[in-house]
Amino acid sequence: MPRWPSFAKARELSRTALRAASLAHCYAVSGATTEAKKLLHELTEISERRYVSSYDLALIHGGLGQKEECFEWLNRAYEIRDGWMITSRSIRDGKFA
C-alpha cells in the first residue's frame, strides 16, 4: 500500500509547504508523476512570494529523476544553509527515493 494517502491527509489538515513537498515526493517516487509535477509547480510559484525550502524542492526533483534540477536546488539550499541539509545522506549516496 502506498504511503501517500497518509501524506495527503496530513496536507488536508495542515496546508503548509512542507506537507505539500512531502506529498509531492511520495507521488514522485511512487510513479504518480502528474500529481508530483502539479505540486512542484505550485510550490515553485509559492517560493517566489514566500519561503519554501530549497531542500524540499530538490527532493521532489530527485524523486522525479530530474538530477540536474535536484542538484541546482541542493546548491541553493547549501548556499542559504537550509537546516534540512543535515538529512541529505540519501542524496549523497545517490538515492533519490
Protein backbone atom coordinates (compact mmCIF):
# COMPACT_ATOMS: atom_id res chain seq x y z
CA MET A 1 0.00 0.00 0.00
CA PRO A 2 1.44 3.40 -0.96
CA ARG A 3 2.27 5.83 1.80
CA TRP A 4 0.99 8.93 0.06
CA PRO A 5 -2.63 8.66 1.35
CA SER A 6 -1.29 9.48 4.82
CA PHE A 7 0.63 12.46 3.43
CA ALA A 8 -2.48 13.58 1.52
CA LYS A 9 -4.49 13.52 4.75
CA ALA A 10 -1.73 15.42 6.57
CA ARG A 11 -1.80 18.05 3.83
CA GLU A 12 -5.56 18.41 4.20
CA LEU A 13 -5.12 19.06 7.91
CA SER A 14 -2.13 21.39 7.58
CA ARG A 15 -1.69 23.13 4.24
CA THR A 16 1.97 24.02 4.63
CA ALA A 17 4.74 23.95 2.04
CA LEU A 18 6.42 21.13 3.98
CA ARG A 19 3.29 18.94 3.77
CA ALA A 20 2.90 19.68 0.06
CA ALA A 21 6.56 18.87 -0.57
CA SER A 22 6.32 15.60 1.37
CA LEU A 23 3.25 14.59 -0.61
CA ALA A 24 4.88 15.60 -3.91
CA HIS A 25 7.94 13.50 -3.12
CA CYS A 26 5.76 10.49 -2.27
CA TYR A 27 3.86 10.95 -5.53
CA ALA A 28 7.12 11.20 -7.47
CA VAL A 29 8.75 8.07 -6.09
CA SER A 30 5.54 6.04 -6.38
CA GLY A 31 5.11 6.88 -10.06
CA ALA A 32 2.30 9.42 -9.71
CA THR A 33 4.38 11.94 -11.64
CA THR A 34 1.49 14.09 -12.88
CA GLU A 35 0.42 14.82 -9.31
CA ALA A 36 4.04 15.37 -8.22
CA LYS A 37 4.68 17.84 -11.03
CA LYS A 38 1.48 19.72 -10.23
CA LEU A 39 2.53 20.18 -6.60
CA LEU A 40 6.09 21.04 -7.65
CA HIS A 41 4.77 23.77 -9.93
CA GLU A 42 2.55 25.08 -7.11
CA LEU A 43 5.46 25.13 -4.65
CA THR A 44 7.80 26.80 -7.13
CA GLU A 45 5.26 29.59 -7.65
CA ILE A 46 4.74 29.96 -3.90
CA SER A 47 8.53 30.19 -3.42
CA GLU A 48 8.52 33.42 -5.43
CA ARG A 49 6.32 35.05 -2.76
CA ARG A 50 7.36 33.33 0.46
CA TYR A 51 9.83 30.84 1.84
CA VAL A 52 9.75 27.28 0.56
CA SER A 53 12.68 25.06 1.47
CA SER A 54 15.09 24.65 -1.43
CA TYR A 55 15.90 21.24 0.00
CA ASP A 56 12.26 20.18 -0.29
CA LEU A 57 12.17 21.28 -3.92
CA ALA A 58 15.38 19.33 -4.54
CA LEU A 59 13.83 16.16 -3.11
CA ILE A 60 10.83 16.45 -5.40
CA HIS A 61 13.06 16.89 -8.45
CA GLY A 62 15.16 13.95 -7.27
CA GLY A 63 12.09 11.77 -6.84
CA LEU A 64 11.10 12.65 -10.40
CA GLY A 65 14.55 11.62 -11.62
CA GLN A 66 15.45 15.20 -12.57
CA LYS A 67 19.01 15.08 -11.25
CA GLU A 68 20.24 18.36 -12.73
CA GLU A 69 17.34 20.33 -11.23
CA CYS A 70 17.75 18.42 -7.99
CA PHE A 71 21.37 19.50 -7.64
CA GLU A 72 20.54 23.09 -8.61
CA TRP A 73 18.08 23.26 -5.70
CA LEU A 74 20.53 21.48 -3.41
CA ASN A 75 23.14 24.12 -4.22
CA ARG A 76 20.64 26.82 -3.32
CA ALA A 77 19.85 25.00 -0.07
CA TYR A 78 23.55 24.78 0.73
CA GLU A 79 24.11 28.47 -0.04
CA ILE A 80 21.36 29.58 2.34
CA ARG A 81 22.32 26.92 4.91
CA ASP A 82 18.93 25.24 4.79
CA GLY A 83 18.53 23.27 8.00
CA TRP A 84 17.19 20.25 6.14
CA MET A 85 20.60 19.70 4.52
CA ILE A 86 21.61 17.59 7.52
CA THR A 87 19.18 14.92 6.30
CA SER A 88 20.76 14.66 2.85
CA ARG A 89 22.51 11.29 3.32
CA SER A 90 20.23 9.56 0.80
CA ILE A 91 21.19 12.10 -1.83
CA ARG A 92 24.90 11.79 -1.07
CA ASP A 93 24.54 8.05 -1.55
CA GLY A 94 22.96 8.64 -4.97
CA LYS A 95 19.47 7.59 -3.89
CA PHE A 96 16.60 9.93 -4.53
CA ALA A 97 13.74 7.83 -3.18
